[in-house]
PDB file of N, CA and C in Angstrom:
ATOM      1  N   MET A   1      79.835 110.022 118.324  1.00  0.00           N
ATOM      2  CA  MET A   1      80.062 109.859 116.912  1.00  0.00           C
ATOM      3  C   MET A   1      81.294 110.677 116.548  1.00  0.00           C
ATOM      4  N   ARG A   2      82.049 110.072 115.364  1.00  0.00           N
ATOM      5  CA  ARG A   2      83.384 110.503 114.879  1.00  0.00           C
ATOM      6  C   ARG A   2      83.198 110.655 113.449  1.00  0.00           C
ATOM      7  N   ARG A   3      83.479 111.804 112.944  1.00  0.00           N
ATOM      8  CA  ARG A   3      83.538 112.184 111.617  1.00  0.00           C
ATOM      9  C   ARG A   3      84.809 111.736 110.915  1.00  0.00           C
ATOM     10  N   ILE A   4      84.903 111.184 109.724  1.00  0.00           N
ATOM     11  CA  ILE A   4      86.094 110.685 109.199  1.00  0.00           C
ATOM     12  C   ILE A   4      85.956 111.216 107.696  1.00  0.00           C
ATOM     13  N   ALA A   5      87.018 111.952 107.302  1.00  0.00           N
ATOM     14  CA  ALA A   5      87.182 112.584 105.850  1.00  0.00           C
ATOM     15  C   ALA A   5      88.535 112.088 105.410  1.00  0.00           C
ATOM     16  N   GLN A   6      88.545 111.807 104.264  1.00  0.00           N
ATOM     17  CA  GLN A   6      89.700 111.100 103.604  1.00  0.00           C
ATOM     18  C   GLN A   6      89.902 111.490 102.028  1.00  0.00           C
ATOM     19  N   VAL A   7      91.090 111.411 101.472  1.00  0.00           N
ATOM     20  CA  VAL A   7      91.373 111.909 100.295  1.00  0.00           C
ATOM     21  C   VAL A   7      92.220 110.884  99.591  1.00  0.00           C
ATOM     22  N   ILE A   8      91.906 110.516  98.200  1.00  0.00           N
ATOM     23  CA  ILE A   8      92.756 109.751  97.457  1.00  0.00           C
ATOM     24  C   ILE A   8      92.553 110.235  96.074  1.00  0.00           C
ATOM     25  N   ARG A   9      93.601 109.981  95.205  1.00  0.00           N
ATOM     26  CA  ARG A   9      93.701 110.233  93.776  1.00  0.00           C
ATOM     27  C   ARG A   9      92.976 109.179  93.012  1.00  0.00           C
ATOM     28  N   VAL A  10      92.127 109.520  92.000  1.00  0.00           N
ATOM     29  CA  VAL A  10      91.655 108.547  91.127  1.00  0.00           C
ATOM     30  C   VAL A  10      92.462 108.442  89.853  1.00  0.00           C
ATOM     31  N   ARG A  11      92.708 107.356  89.304  1.00  0.00           N
ATOM     32  CA  ARG A  11      93.404 107.327  88.008  1.00  0.00           C
ATOM     33  C   ARG A  11      92.492 107.600  86.925  1.00  0.00           C
ATOM     34  N   PRO A  12      92.761 108.605  86.169  1.00  0.00           N
ATOM     35  CA  PRO A  12      91.816 109.066  85.146  1.00  0.00           C
ATOM     36  C   PRO A  12      91.228 108.225  84.260  1.00  0.00           C
ATOM     37  N   GLU A  13      92.075 107.229  83.960  1.00  0.00           N
ATOM     38  CA  GLU A  13      91.651 105.987  82.939  1.00  0.00           C
ATOM     39  C   GLU A  13      90.604 105.082  83.676  1.00  0.00           C
ATOM     40  N   LYS A  14      90.583 105.240  84.870  1.00  0.00           N
ATOM     41  CA  LYS A  14      89.724 104.379  85.661  1.00  0.00           C
ATOM     42  C   LYS A  14      88.559 105.094  86.413  1.00  0.00           C
ATOM     43  N   LEU A  15      88.375 106.439  86.002  1.00  0.00           N
ATOM     44  CA  LEU A  15      87.200 106.901  86.831  1.00  0.00           C
ATOM     45  C   LEU A  15      85.947 106.420  86.405  1.00  0.00           C
ATOM     46  N   ASP A  16      85.732 106.096  85.094  1.00  0.00           N
ATOM     47  CA  ASP A  16      84.394 105.662  84.648  1.00  0.00           C
ATOM     48  C   ASP A  16      84.085 104.291  85.387  1.00  0.00           C
ATOM     49  N   GLU A  17      85.158 103.526  85.465  1.00  0.00           N
ATOM     50  CA  GLU A  17      84.900 102.119  86.032  1.00  0.00           C
ATOM     51  C   GLU A  17      84.712 102.353  87.495  1.00  0.00           C
ATOM     52  N   TYR A  18      85.357 103.210  88.223  1.00  0.00           N
ATOM     53  CA  TYR A  18      85.091 103.499  89.547  1.00  0.00           C
ATOM     54  C   TYR A  18      83.734 103.928  89.895  1.00  0.00           C
ATOM     55  N   LYS A  19      83.222 104.797  89.074  1.00  0.00           N
ATOM     56  CA  LYS A  19      81.978 105.404  89.191  1.00  0.00           C
ATOM     57  C   LYS A  19      80.776 104.168  88.984  1.00  0.00           C
ATOM     58  N   ARG A  20      81.038 103.354  87.884  1.00  0.00           N
ATOM     59  CA  ARG A  20      80.218 102.291  87.479  1.00  0.00           C
ATOM     60  C   ARG A  20      80.133 101.378  88.743  1.00  0.00           C
ATOM     61  N   LEU A  21      81.381 100.961  89.350  1.00  0.00           N
ATOM     62  CA  LEU A  21      81.288 100.029  90.497  1.00  0.00           C
ATOM     63  C   LEU A  21      80.526 100.563  91.657  1.00  0.00           C
ATOM     64  N   HIS A  22      80.656 101.906  91.944  1.00  0.00           N
ATOM     65  CA  HIS A  22      79.962 102.371  92.954  1.00  0.00           C
ATOM     66  C   HIS A  22      78.364 102.777  92.765  1.00  0.00           C
ATOM     67  N   ALA A  23      78.124 102.722  91.584  1.00  0.00           N
ATOM     68  CA  ALA A  23      76.693 103.001  91.126  1.00  0.00           C
ATOM     69  C   ALA A  23      75.914 101.725  91.552  1.00  0.00           C
ATOM     70  N   ASP A  24      76.593 100.530  91.632  1.00  0.00           N
ATOM     71  CA  ASP A  24      75.833  99.366  92.062  1.00  0.00           C
ATOM     72  C   ASP A  24      76.869  98.576  93.058  1.00  0.00           C
ATOM     73  N   ALA A  25      77.223  99.194  94.090  1.00  0.00           N
ATOM     74  CA  ALA A  25      77.812  98.659  95.360  1.00  0.00           C
ATOM     75  C   ALA A  25      77.438  97.428  95.755  1.00  0.00           C
ATOM     76  N   TRP A  26      78.286  96.547  96.127  1.00  0.00           N
ATOM     77  CA  TRP A  26      77.748  95.313  96.457  1.00  0.00           C
ATOM     78  C   TRP A  26      77.088  95.134  97.810  1.00  0.00           C
ATOM     79  N   PRO A  27      75.985  94.455  98.068  1.00  0.00           N
ATOM     80  CA  PRO A  27      75.236  94.551  99.339  1.00  0.00           C
ATOM     81  C   PRO A  27      75.990  94.003 100.412  1.00  0.00           C
ATOM     82  N   GLY A  28      76.834  93.079 100.227  1.00  0.00           N
ATOM     83  CA  GLY A  28      77.678  92.415 101.375  1.00  0.00           C
ATOM     84  C   GLY A  28      78.572  93.388 101.933  1.00  0.00           C
ATOM     85  N   VAL A  29      79.197  94.220 100.949  1.00  0.00           N
ATOM     86  CA  VAL A  29      80.149  95.252 101.390  1.00  0.00           C
ATOM     87  C   VAL A  29      79.345  96.326 102.270  1.00  0.00           C
ATOM     88  N   LEU A  30      78.203  96.725 101.851  1.00  0.00           N
ATOM     89  CA  LEU A  30      77.410  97.930 102.464  1.00  0.00           C
ATOM     90  C   LEU A  30      76.891  97.306 103.859  1.00  0.00           C
ATOM     91  N   GLU A  31      76.553  95.962 103.928  1.00  0.00           N
ATOM     92  CA  GLU A  31      76.120  95.550 105.065  1.00  0.00           C
ATOM     93  C   GLU A  31      77.241  95.337 106.282  1.00  0.00           C
ATOM     94  N   LEU A  32      78.439  94.950 105.607  1.00  0.00           N
ATOM     95  CA  LEU A  32      79.394  95.003 106.668  1.00  0.00           C
ATOM     96  C   LEU A  32      79.840  96.258 107.129  1.00  0.00           C
ATOM     97  N   LEU A  33      79.922  97.317 106.461  1.00  0.00           N
ATOM     98  CA  LEU A  33      80.359  98.701 106.798  1.00  0.00           C
ATOM     99  C   LEU A  33      79.026  99.232 107.777  1.00  0.00           C
ATOM    100  N   GLN A  34      77.838  98.792 107.603  1.00  0.00           N
ATOM    101  CA  GLN A  34      76.791  99.058 108.610  1.00  0.00           C
ATOM    102  C   GLN A  34      77.109  98.444 109.935  1.00  0.00           C
ATOM    103  N   ALA A  35      77.534  97.079 109.888  1.00  0.00           N
ATOM    104  CA  ALA A  35      77.760  96.298 111.093  1.00  0.00           C
ATOM    105  C   ALA A  35      78.951  96.836 111.832  1.00  0.00           C
ATOM    106  N   ALA A  36      79.930  97.575 111.079  1.00  0.00           N
ATOM    107  CA  ALA A  36      81.086  98.174 111.563  1.00  0.00           C
ATOM    108  C   ALA A  36      80.786  99.621 112.078  1.00  0.00           C
ATOM    109  N   HIS A  37      79.545  99.957 112.139  1.00  0.00           N
ATOM    110  CA  HIS A  37      79.124 101.198 112.641  1.00  0.00           C
ATOM    111  C   HIS A  37      79.537 102.353 111.964  1.00  0.00           C
ATOM    112  N   VAL A  38      79.523 102.258 110.607  1.00  0.00           N
ATOM    113  CA  VAL A  38      79.787 103.259 109.512  1.00  0.00           C
ATOM    114  C   VAL A  38      78.248 103.739 109.248  1.00  0.00           C
ATOM    115  N   ARG A  39      78.013 105.104 109.184  1.00  0.00           N
ATOM    116  CA  ARG A  39      76.775 105.751 108.745  1.00  0.00           C
ATOM    117  C   ARG A  39      77.180 106.873 107.809  1.00  0.00           C
ATOM    118  N   ASN A  40      76.183 107.268 107.010  1.00  0.00           N
ATOM    119  CA  ASN A  40      76.282 108.498 106.276  1.00  0.00           C
ATOM    120  C   ASN A  40      77.670 108.522 105.385  1.00  0.00           C
ATOM    121  N   TYR A  41      77.922 107.415 104.839  1.00  0.00           N
ATOM    122  CA  TYR A  41      79.183 107.237 103.961  1.00  0.00           C
ATOM    123  C   TYR A  41      78.916 107.714 102.650  1.00  0.00           C
ATOM    124  N   SER A  42      79.778 108.571 102.032  1.00  0.00           N
ATOM    125  CA  SER A  42      79.797 109.180 100.698  1.00  0.00           C
ATOM    126  C   SER A  42      81.021 109.358 100.355  1.00  0.00           C
ATOM    127  N   ILE A  43      81.092 109.343  98.832  1.00  0.00           N
ATOM    128  CA  ILE A  43      82.498 109.509  98.077  1.00  0.00           C
ATOM    129  C   ILE A  43      82.220 110.566  97.042  1.00  0.00           C
ATOM    130  N   HIS A  44      83.081 111.578  96.936  1.00  0.00           N
ATOM    131  CA  HIS A  44      82.778 112.649  96.052  1.00  0.00           C
ATOM    132  C   HIS A  44      83.993 112.686  95.208  1.00  0.00           C
ATOM    133  N   TYR A  45      83.766 113.353  93.906  1.00  0.00           N
ATOM    134  CA  TYR A  45      84.892 113.473  93.056  1.00  0.00           C
ATOM    135  C   TYR A  45      84.942 115.193  92.444  1.00  0.00           C
ATOM    136  N   ARG A  46      86.342 115.365  92.400  1.00  0.00           N
ATOM    137  CA  ARG A  46      86.551 116.660  91.739  1.00  0.00           C
ATOM    138  C   ARG A  46      88.013 116.609  91.353  1.00  0.00           C
ATOM    139  N   ASP A  47      88.309 117.071  90.203  1.00  0.00           N
ATOM    140  CA  ASP A  47      89.653 117.357  89.802  1.00  0.00           C
ATOM    141  C   ASP A  47      90.597 116.222  90.030  1.00  0.00           C
ATOM    142  N   GLY A  48      90.276 115.096  89.760  1.00  0.00           N
ATOM    143  CA  GLY A  48      91.139 113.912  89.880  1.00  0.00           C
ATOM    144  C   GLY A  48      91.339 113.291  91.273  1.00  0.00           C
ATOM    145  N   LEU A  49      90.626 113.992  92.329  1.00  0.00           N
ATOM    146  CA  LEU A  49      90.562 113.422  93.773  1.00  0.00           C
ATOM    147  C   LEU A  49      89.143 112.851  94.113  1.00  0.00           C
ATOM    148  N   LEU A  50      89.203 111.879  94.842  1.00  0.00           N
ATOM    149  CA  LEU A  50      88.143 111.299  95.440  1.00  0.00           C
ATOM    150  C   LEU A  50      88.118 111.621  97.140  1.00  0.00           C
ATOM    151  N   PHE A  51      87.072 112.402  97.426  1.00  0.00           N
ATOM    152  CA  PHE A  51      86.898 112.640  98.816  1.00  0.00           C
ATOM    153  C   PHE A  51      85.827 111.812  99.468  1.00  0.00           C
ATOM    154  N   SER A  52      86.334 111.166 100.538  1.00  0.00           N
ATOM    155  CA  SER A  52      85.186 110.361 101.254  1.00  0.00           C
ATOM    156  C   SER A  52      84.782 110.949 102.614  1.00  0.00           C
ATOM    157  N   TYR A  53      83.526 110.734 103.056  1.00  0.00           N
ATOM    158  CA  TYR A  53      83.107 111.055 104.302  1.00  0.00           C
ATOM    159  C   TYR A  53      82.374 110.112 105.010  1.00  0.00           C
ATOM    160  N   PHE A  54      82.413 109.814 106.244  1.00  0.00           N
ATOM    161  CA  PHE A  54      81.537 108.916 106.817  1.00  0.00           C
ATOM    162  C   PHE A  54      81.406 109.243 108.402  1.00  0.00           C
ATOM    163  N   GLU A  55      80.412 108.674 109.103  1.00  0.00           N
ATOM    164  CA  GLU A  55      80.273 109.000 110.471  1.00  0.00           C
ATOM    165  C   GLU A  55      80.266 107.629 111.074  1.00  0.00           C
ATOM    166  N   TYR A  56      81.288 107.474 112.042  1.00  0.00           N
ATOM    167  CA  TYR A  56      81.604 106.278 112.835  1.00  0.00           C
ATOM    168  C   TYR A  56      80.904 106.384 114.160  1.00  0.00           C
ATOM    169  N   HIS A  57      79.953 105.422 114.489  1.00  0.00           N
ATOM    170  CA  HIS A  57      79.235 105.361 115.647  1.00  0.00           C
ATOM    171  C   HIS A  57      79.716 104.282 116.652  1.00  0.00           C
ATOM    172  N   GLY A  58      80.764 103.622 116.363  1.00  0.00           N
ATOM    173  CA  GLY A  58      81.173 102.592 117.275  1.00  0.00           C
ATOM    174  C   GLY A  58      82.134 103.109 118.287  1.00  0.00           C
ATOM    175  N   ASP A  59      82.803 102.151 119.196  1.00  0.00           N
ATOM    176  CA  ASP A  59      83.767 102.434 120.165  1.00  0.00           C
ATOM    177  C   ASP A  59      85.174 102.191 119.656  1.00  0.00           C
ATOM    178  N   ASP A  60      85.467 101.388 118.651  1.00  0.00           N
ATOM    179  CA  ASP A  60      86.867 100.994 118.410  1.00  0.00           C
ATOM    180  C   ASP A  60      86.995 101.114 116.857  1.00  0.00           C
ATOM    181  N   LEU A  61      87.170 102.149 116.210  1.00  0.00           N
ATOM    182  CA  LEU A  61      87.426 102.331 114.919  1.00  0.00           C
ATOM    183  C   LEU A  61      88.475 101.459 114.199  1.00  0.00           C
ATOM    184  N   ASP A  62      89.631 101.255 114.866  1.00  0.00           N
ATOM    185  CA  ASP A  62      90.685 100.301 114.407  1.00  0.00           C
ATOM    186  C   ASP A  62      90.233  98.971 114.232  1.00  0.00           C
ATOM    187  N   LYS A  63      89.543  98.448 115.223  1.00  0.00           N
ATOM    188  CA  LYS A  63      89.084  97.197 115.392  1.00  0.00           C
ATOM    189  C   LYS A  63      87.948  96.859 114.261  1.00  0.00           C
ATOM    190  N   ASP A  64      87.099  97.797 114.229  1.00  0.00           N
ATOM    191  CA  ASP A  64      85.817  97.759 113.292  1.00  0.00           C
ATOM    192  C   ASP A  64      86.467  97.701 111.810  1.00  0.00           C
ATOM    193  N   MET A  65      87.357  98.750 111.646  1.00  0.00           N
ATOM    194  CA  MET A  65      87.851  98.631 110.158  1.00  0.00           C
ATOM    195  C   MET A  65      88.902  97.474 109.723  1.00  0.00           C
ATOM    196  N   ALA A  66      89.434  96.787 110.949  1.00  0.00           N
ATOM    197  CA  ALA A  66      90.269  95.621 110.695  1.00  0.00           C
ATOM    198  C   ALA A  66      89.311  94.442 110.094  1.00  0.00           C
ATOM    199  N   ALA A  67      88.136  94.374 110.832  1.00  0.00           N
ATOM    200  CA  ALA A  67      87.069  93.457 110.608  1.00  0.00           C
ATOM    201  C   ALA A  67      86.627  93.582 109.068  1.00  0.00           C
ATOM    202  N   VAL A  68      86.474  94.911 108.759  1.00  0.00           N
ATOM    203  CA  VAL A  68      86.159  95.109 107.349  1.00  0.00           C
ATOM    204  C   VAL A  68      87.087  94.647 106.375  1.00  0.00           C
ATOM    205  N   ASP A  69      88.292  95.139 106.689  1.00  0.00           N
ATOM    206  CA  ASP A  69      89.474  94.551 105.800  1.00  0.00           C
ATOM    207  C   ASP A  69      89.725  93.217 105.673  1.00  0.00           C
ATOM    208  N   ALA A  70      89.314  92.334 106.749  1.00  0.00           N
ATOM    209  CA  ALA A  70      89.533  91.009 106.820  1.00  0.00           C
ATOM    210  C   ALA A  70      88.411  90.170 106.138  1.00  0.00           C
ATOM    211  N   ASP A  71      87.308  90.770 105.924  1.00  0.00           N
ATOM    212  CA  ASP A  71      86.076  90.113 105.296  1.00  0.00           C
ATOM    213  C   ASP A  71      86.398  89.880 103.666  1.00  0.00           C
ATOM    214  N   PRO A  72      86.269  88.527 103.183  1.00  0.00           N
ATOM    215  CA  PRO A  72      86.501  88.220 101.824  1.00  0.00           C
ATOM    216  C   PRO A  72      85.782  88.768 100.793  1.00  0.00           C
ATOM    217  N   VAL A  73      84.581  89.121 101.064  1.00  0.00           N
ATOM    218  CA  VAL A  73      83.823  89.917 100.039  1.00  0.00           C
ATOM    219  C   VAL A  73      84.411  91.393  99.915  1.00  0.00           C
ATOM    220  N   THR A  74      84.738  91.940 100.875  1.00  0.00           N
ATOM    221  CA  THR A  74      85.233  93.246 100.851  1.00  0.00           C
ATOM    222  C   THR A  74      86.633  93.215 100.283  1.00  0.00           C
ATOM    223  N   GLN A  75      87.318  92.208 100.455  1.00  0.00           N
ATOM    224  CA  GLN A  75      88.727  92.010  99.762  1.00  0.00           C
ATOM    225  C   GLN A  75      88.578  91.796  98.246  1.00  0.00           C
ATOM    226  N   GLU A  76      87.526  91.211  97.848  1.00  0.00           N
ATOM    227  CA  GLU A  76      87.241  91.104  96.483  1.00  0.00           C
ATOM    228  C   GLU A  76      86.867  92.393  95.778  1.00  0.00           C
ATOM    229  N   TRP A  77      86.060  93.228  96.637  1.00  0.00           N
ATOM    230  CA  TRP A  77      85.582  94.595  96.274  1.00  0.00           C
ATOM    231  C   TRP A  77      86.921  95.394  96.057  1.00  0.00           C
ATOM    232  N   HIS A  78      87.705  95.353  96.852  1.00  0.00           N
ATOM    233  CA  HIS A  78      89.045  96.026  96.963  1.00  0.00           C
ATOM    234  C   HIS A  78      89.796  95.650  95.627  1.00  0.00           C
ATOM    235  N   ARG A  79      89.804  94.328  95.379  1.00  0.00           N
ATOM    236  CA  ARG A  79      90.636  93.955  94.091  1.00  0.00           C
ATOM    237  C   ARG A  79      90.101  94.701  92.914  1.00  0.00           C
ATOM    238  N   LEU A  80      88.950  95.081  92.833  1.00  0.00           N
ATOM    239  CA  LEU A  80      88.347  95.784  91.794  1.00  0.00           C
ATOM    240  C   LEU A  80      88.574  97.180  91.953  1.00  0.00           C
ATOM    241  N   THR A  81      88.254  97.933  93.096  1.00  0.00           N
ATOM    242  CA  THR A  81      88.375  99.282  93.191  1.00  0.00           C
ATOM    243  C   THR A  81      89.720  99.908  93.407  1.00  0.00           C
ATOM    244  N   ASP A  82      90.836  99.090  94.093  1.00  0.00           N
ATOM    245  CA  ASP A  82      92.037  99.690  94.337  1.00  0.00           C
ATOM    246  C   ASP A  82      92.841 100.159  93.338  1.00  0.00           C
ATOM    247  N   PRO A  83      92.859  99.322  92.032  1.00  0.00           N
ATOM    248  CA  PRO A  83      93.486  99.635  91.010  1.00  0.00           C
ATOM    249  C   PRO A  83      93.050 100.991  90.336  1.00  0.00           C
ATOM    250  N   CYS A  84      91.937 101.577  90.617  1.00  0.00           N
ATOM    251  CA  CYS A  84      91.259 102.758  90.138  1.00  0.00           C
ATOM    252  C   CYS A  84      91.921 103.946  90.819  1.00  0.00           C
ATOM    253  N   GLN A  85      92.602 103.669  92.133  1.00  0.00           N
ATOM    254  CA  GLN A  85      93.000 104.666  92.991  1.00  0.00           C
ATOM    255  C   GLN A  85      94.594 104.884  93.092  1.00  0.00           C
ATOM    256  N   GLU A  86      94.874 105.894  93.770  1.00  0.00           N
ATOM    257  CA  GLU A  86      96.380 106.093  93.747  1.00  0.00           C
ATOM    258  C   GLU A  86      96.560 107.059  95.050  1.00  0.00           C
ATOM    259  N   PRO A  87      97.341 106.547  96.104  1.00  0.00           N
ATOM    260  CA  PRO A  87      97.608 107.500  97.099  1.00  0.00           C
ATOM    261  C   PRO A  87      98.182 108.838  96.811  1.00  0.00           C
ATOM    262  N   LEU A  88      97.886 109.812  97.595  1.00  0.00           N
ATOM    263  CA  LEU A  88      98.533 111.180  97.509  1.00  0.00           C
ATOM    264  C   LEU A  88      99.976 110.984  97.649  1.00  0.00           C
ATOM    265  N   ASP A  89     100.714 111.940  97.024  1.00  0.00           N
ATOM    266  CA  ASP A  89     102.190 112.091  97.264  1.00  0.00           C
ATOM    267  C   ASP A  89     102.566 112.392  98.572  1.00  0.00           C
ATOM    268  N   THR A  90     101.610 112.933  99.397  1.00  0.00           N
ATOM    269  CA  THR A  90     101.920 113.183 100.836  1.00  0.00           C
ATOM    270  C   THR A  90     101.390 112.205 101.732  1.00  0.00           C
ATOM    271  N   ALA A  91     100.920 110.972 101.148  1.00  0.00           N
ATOM    272  CA  ALA A  91     100.461 109.803 102.075  1.00  0.00           C
ATOM    273  C   ALA A  91     101.818 109.151 102.952  1.00  0.00           C
ATOM    274  N   ALA A  92     101.249 108.923 104.128  1.00  0.00           N
ATOM    275  CA  ALA A  92     102.396 108.263 104.968  1.00  0.00           C
ATOM    276  C   ALA A  92     102.481 106.929 104.358  1.00  0.00           C
ATOM    277  N   PRO A  93     103.742 106.234 104.810  1.00  0.00           N
ATOM    278  CA  PRO A  93     104.012 105.010 104.168  1.00  0.00           C
ATOM    279  C   PRO A  93     102.968 104.145 104.779  1.00  0.00           C
ATOM    280  N   GLY A  94     102.536 103.253 103.595  1.00  0.00           N
ATOM    281  CA  GLY A  94     101.341 102.320 103.838  1.00  0.00           C
ATOM    282  C   GLY A  94     100.008 102.870 103.845  1.00  0.00           C
ATOM    283  N   GLU A  95      99.801 104.323 103.827  1.00  0.00           N
ATOM    284  CA  GLU A  95      98.553 104.890 103.815  1.00  0.00           C
ATOM    285  C   GLU A  95      97.914 104.722 102.582  1.00  0.00           C
ATOM    286  N   TRP A  96      96.621 104.445 102.453  1.00  0.00           N
ATOM    287  CA  TRP A  96      95.937 104.489 101.291  1.00  0.00           C
ATOM    288  C   TRP A  96      95.175 105.645 101.143  1.00  0.00           C
ATOM    289  N   TRP A  97      94.027 105.638 101.694  1.00  0.00           N
ATOM    290  CA  TRP A  97      93.281 106.995 101.830  1.00  0.00           C
ATOM    291  C   TRP A  97      93.917 107.869 102.787  1.00  0.00           C
ATOM    292  N   SER A  98      94.190 109.130 102.609  1.00  0.00           N
ATOM    293  CA  SER A  98      94.889 110.020 103.518  1.00  0.00           C
ATOM    294  C   SER A  98      93.714 110.903 104.271  1.00  0.00           C
ATOM    295  N   PRO A  99      94.091 110.803 105.559  1.00  0.00           N
ATOM    296  CA  PRO A  99      93.047 111.769 106.331  1.00  0.00           C
ATOM    297  C   PRO A  99      92.767 113.088 106.049  1.00  0.00           C
ATOM    298  N   ALA A 100      91.902 113.667 106.122  1.00  0.00           N
ATOM    299  CA  ALA A 100      91.737 115.279 105.799  1.00  0.00           C
ATOM    300  C   ALA A 100      91.242 115.737 107.240  1.00  0.00           C
ATOM    301  N   GLU A 101      91.826 117.091 107.452  1.00  0.00           N
ATOM    302  CA  GLU A 101      91.607 117.696 108.686  1.00  0.00           C
ATOM    303  C   GLU A 101      90.231 118.492 108.599  1.00  0.00           C
ATOM    304  N   THR A 102      89.580 118.454 109.518  1.00  0.00           N
ATOM    305  CA  THR A 102      88.386 119.366 109.752  1.00  0.00           C
ATOM    306  C   THR A 102      88.702 120.746 110.038  1.00  0.00           C
ATOM    307  N   VAL A 103      88.336 121.571 109.208  1.00  0.00           N
ATOM    308  CA  VAL A 103      88.669 122.999 109.441  1.00  0.00           C
ATOM    309  C   VAL A 103      87.474 123.955 109.691  1.00  0.00           C
ATOM    310  N   PHE A 104      86.274 123.208 109.450  1.00  0.00           N
ATOM    311  CA  PHE A 104      85.110 124.081 109.880  1.00  0.00           C
ATOM    312  C   PHE A 104      83.773 122.911 109.856  1.00  0.00           C
ATOM    313  N   LEU A 105      83.000 123.116 110.805  1.00  0.00           N
ATOM    314  CA  LEU A 105      81.855 122.280 111.031  1.00  0.00           C
ATOM    315  C   LEU A 105      80.689 123.113 111.349  1.00  0.00           C
ATOM    316  N   MET A 106      79.574 123.224 110.838  1.00  0.00           N
ATOM    317  CA  MET A 106      78.374 123.700 111.171  1.00  0.00           C
ATOM    318  C   MET A 106      77.273 122.554 111.447  1.00  0.00           C
ATOM    319  N   GLU A 107      76.827 122.507 112.698  1.00  0.00           N
ATOM    320  CA  GLU A 107      75.733 121.466 113.026  1.00  0.00           C
ATOM    321  C   GLU A 107      74.494 122.094 113.036  1.00  0.00           C
TER     322      GLU A 107
END
């Protein structure tokens, strides 16, 4: 199992919309994430930042995430959620959610 933590900015004027969308996340998107071996997925908010965490239980994260990104239902979901977000200033070119380094873990 691999732990994935990421950070992105949320546009202040879009925060309520982002929360509303995720309060009723689309079943098709959730089912595809499950099929892509994603478990314990959560998104948290604080001071203009969204922090996501999930556990990946597959063998090829890049392949599984490419399948998620290629899905038409997920693409439509991103057309709604992406305008609510803004990459960090320190994001690598083309990077949307920025990876966060694990500095402590207690199991």
